[in-house]
């Protein structure tokens, strides 16, 4: 299976028709239907690494101040305790806890619903350990590689450029200069394969501190890139900056 990183942006994308939704739909048409999905979402941070082990995960509406129509959305895909156990046994660099409390947060369901609207593909989430460095996340992600040949689609969901405090509602179709700088630098890393530059990304300068003020939306991109094989191409899509400080860049590996 290929690997995806999806810039998920606002939860409102889940109930809208726009260019980003079209991008997710179109990329879904280019890949085989998976046997299961593992999503690494920006919206599940934990102490230690956890993997969802529920038969029927709930849909979590982890936001506020949005229209009722968004809270009414359900994504009733099954979970897969079996796959969760495989992940736990496969990863050797750290202890993995089986979690039966979480569900599908909007980092997963708001985008996956456009790839598989019938909600008929089992899906689990893998959490982001707040204590791990970017390099440690990268090494952990590499251990998931064997699952790709088993028909498992691995999806990172976040945003590389993500500064909600700096949003400019008067610029719906443009970004700040620093946002373009960071977006272009990240794309260069993706296209040249210099993954070691991912580990100190926010130390590159003030622009990077502005674009990545916290790590949770950036880290899912590392999980995707860690799984890139030597000969695998990367396809960029939804490459657009909006409201000054939000980048919707997504990519497919393989």
Foldseek 3Di string as FASTA:
>chain_A
DWEKEFAQPDLCLLVDDDQSLVVLLVVLVVDDQFQAEEEEFLPFEDAFKEKEQFQWFWEDAPDDDDDVVSVPDTQGATAHNPVRVVLQVQFDPGHYHYDHPHGHYSLPPSRVCSSPVVSHHHYMYMYHNPPDALVRLLVRLLSCLVCVVVRYYYYYGAFQFDAPVLFAPVWFFAADPLQVVLLVVVVVCQQVVVLVCLRCSCVPDDSSCNRPVDCSRNSSVSSNSSNADPPWGKDWDQQTDGRHGTGRIMIMTD
